[in-house]
Amino acid sequence: MSSIVKAVLAWIKSLFFSTELEITIIGLQNSGKTSLVNVIMSGQFSDAMVPTVGFNMRKYTKGSVTIKLWGR
């Protein structure tokens, strides 16, 4: 019974409280900023990366928490 109450309270919290986090990653050229963003967001690493032109933004949502990672 308590698990049902906890689930309902978590659902109510998710309706009224959401958390958004924006992280900007800056560094020298060829320092692995885009690789870091890809590993954090998807858990995948690729050796065949092309240089980033402009900005690289990845958005990840889990429950009521949203994380935006910006790379340059």
C-alpha atoms as a PDB file:
ATOM      1  CA  MET A   1       0.000   0.000   0.000  1.00  0.00           C
ATOM      2  CA  SER A   2       2.818   2.412   0.801  1.00  0.00           C
ATOM      3  CA  SER A   3       4.326   1.881  -2.645  1.00  0.00           C
ATOM      4  CA  ILE A   4       1.084   3.093  -4.219  1.00  0.00           C
ATOM      5  CA  VAL A   5       1.153   6.217  -2.054  1.00  0.00           C
ATOM      6  CA  LYS A   6       4.808   6.839  -2.957  1.00  0.00           C
ATOM      7  CA  ALA A   7       4.017   6.415  -6.647  1.00  0.00           C
ATOM      8  CA  VAL A   8       1.109   8.863  -6.444  1.00  0.00           C
ATOM      9  CA  LEU A   9       3.235  11.417  -4.572  1.00  0.00           C
ATOM     10  CA  ALA A  10       6.021  11.062  -7.137  1.00  0.00           C
ATOM     11  CA  TRP A  11       3.497  11.598  -9.938  1.00  0.00           C
ATOM     12  CA  ILE A  12       2.099  14.729  -8.250  1.00  0.00           C
ATOM     13  CA  LYS A  13       5.625  16.097  -7.742  1.00  0.00           C
ATOM     14  CA  SER A  14       6.407  15.485 -11.410  1.00  0.00           C
ATOM     15  CA  LEU A  15       3.386  17.592 -12.404  1.00  0.00           C
ATOM     16  CA  PHE A  16       4.460  20.630 -10.402  1.00  0.00           C
ATOM     17  CA  PHE A  17       8.229  20.362 -10.105  1.00  0.00           C
ATOM     18  CA  SER A  18      10.548  19.884 -13.028  1.00  0.00           C
ATOM     19  CA  THR A  19      14.280  20.386 -13.096  1.00  0.00           C
ATOM     20  CA  GLU A  20      16.253  21.622 -16.081  1.00  0.00           C
ATOM     21  CA  LEU A  21      20.026  21.710 -16.170  1.00  0.00           C
ATOM     22  CA  GLU A  22      22.163  23.311 -18.880  1.00  0.00           C
ATOM     23  CA  ILE A  23      25.874  22.527 -19.056  1.00  0.00           C
ATOM     24  CA  THR A  24      28.302  24.250 -21.427  1.00  0.00           C
ATOM     25  CA  ILE A  25      31.525  22.461 -22.314  1.00  0.00           C
ATOM     26  CA  ILE A  26      34.332  24.609 -23.714  1.00  0.00           C
ATOM     27  CA  GLY A  27      37.921  23.782 -24.529  1.00  0.00           C
ATOM     28  CA  LEU A  28      40.672  23.771 -27.109  1.00  0.00           C
ATOM     29  CA  GLN A  29      40.277  22.333 -30.600  1.00  0.00           C
ATOM     30  CA  ASN A  30      40.472  18.520 -30.788  1.00  0.00           C
ATOM     31  CA  SER A  31      40.224  18.184 -27.009  1.00  0.00           C
ATOM     32  CA  GLY A  32      37.286  15.735 -27.080  1.00  0.00           C
ATOM     33  CA  LYS A  33      34.342  17.962 -26.143  1.00  0.00           C
ATOM     34  CA  THR A  34      31.915  16.345 -28.601  1.00  0.00           C
ATOM     35  CA  SER A  35      33.133  12.877 -27.642  1.00  0.00           C
ATOM     36  CA  LEU A  36      32.479  13.706 -23.980  1.00  0.00           C
ATOM     37  CA  VAL A  37      28.946  14.898 -24.772  1.00  0.00           C
ATOM     38  CA  ASN A  38      28.243  11.728 -26.772  1.00  0.00           C
ATOM     39  CA  VAL A  39      29.572   9.437 -24.036  1.00  0.00           C
ATOM     40  CA  ILE A  40      27.579  11.214 -21.313  1.00  0.00           C
ATOM     41  CA  MET A  41      24.338  11.208 -23.275  1.00  0.00           C
ATOM     42  CA  SER A  42      24.383   7.867 -25.071  1.00  0.00           C
ATOM     43  CA  GLY A  43      27.229   5.883 -23.554  1.00  0.00           C
ATOM     44  CA  GLN A  44      28.786   5.428 -27.000  1.00  0.00           C
ATOM     45  CA  PHE A  45      32.249   6.449 -28.149  1.00  0.00           C
ATOM     46  CA  SER A  46      33.285   6.722 -31.788  1.00  0.00           C
ATOM     47  CA  ASP A  47      36.788   7.199 -33.163  1.00  0.00           C
ATOM     48  CA  ALA A  48      35.388   8.529 -36.443  1.00  0.00           C
ATOM     49  CA  MET A  49      34.363  12.009 -35.250  1.00  0.00           C
ATOM     50  CA  VAL A  50      34.333  14.989 -37.581  1.00  0.00           C
ATOM     51  CA  PRO A  51      35.160  18.447 -36.190  1.00  0.00           C
ATOM     52  CA  THR A  52      32.157  20.329 -34.816  1.00  0.00           C
ATOM     53  CA  VAL A  53      31.106  23.358 -36.853  1.00  0.00           C
ATOM     54  CA  GLY A  54      29.088  25.779 -34.736  1.00  0.00           C
ATOM     55  CA  PHE A  55      27.500  24.318 -31.616  1.00  0.00           C
ATOM     56  CA  ASN A  56      26.668  20.777 -30.560  1.00  0.00           C
ATOM     57  CA  MET A  57      23.623  20.507 -28.287  1.00  0.00           C
ATOM     58  CA  ARG A  58      22.222  17.262 -26.903  1.00  0.00           C
ATOM     59  CA  LYS A  59      19.100  17.063 -24.765  1.00  0.00           C
ATOM     60  CA  TYR A  60      18.346  14.166 -22.428  1.00  0.00           C
ATOM     61  CA  THR A  61      15.170  13.761 -20.354  1.00  0.00           C
ATOM     62  CA  LYS A  62      14.682  11.257 -17.558  1.00  0.00           C
ATOM     63  CA  GLY A  63      11.469  11.625 -15.588  1.00  0.00           C
ATOM     64  CA  SER A  64      11.067  15.306 -14.738  1.00  0.00           C
ATOM     65  CA  VAL A  65      14.772  16.126 -15.133  1.00  0.00           C
ATOM     66  CA  THR A  66      16.054  17.580 -18.406  1.00  0.00           C
ATOM     67  CA  ILE A  67      19.761  17.946 -19.113  1.00  0.00           C
ATOM     68  CA  LYS A  68      21.052  20.031 -22.024  1.00  0.00           C
ATOM     69  CA  LEU A  69      24.745  19.707 -22.874  1.00  0.00           C
ATOM     70  CA  TRP A  70      26.238  22.364 -25.125  1.00  0.00           C
ATOM     71  CA  GLY A  71      29.599  21.882 -26.798  1.00  0.00           C
ATOM     72  CA  ARG A  72      31.585  24.251 -28.959  1.00  0.00           C
END
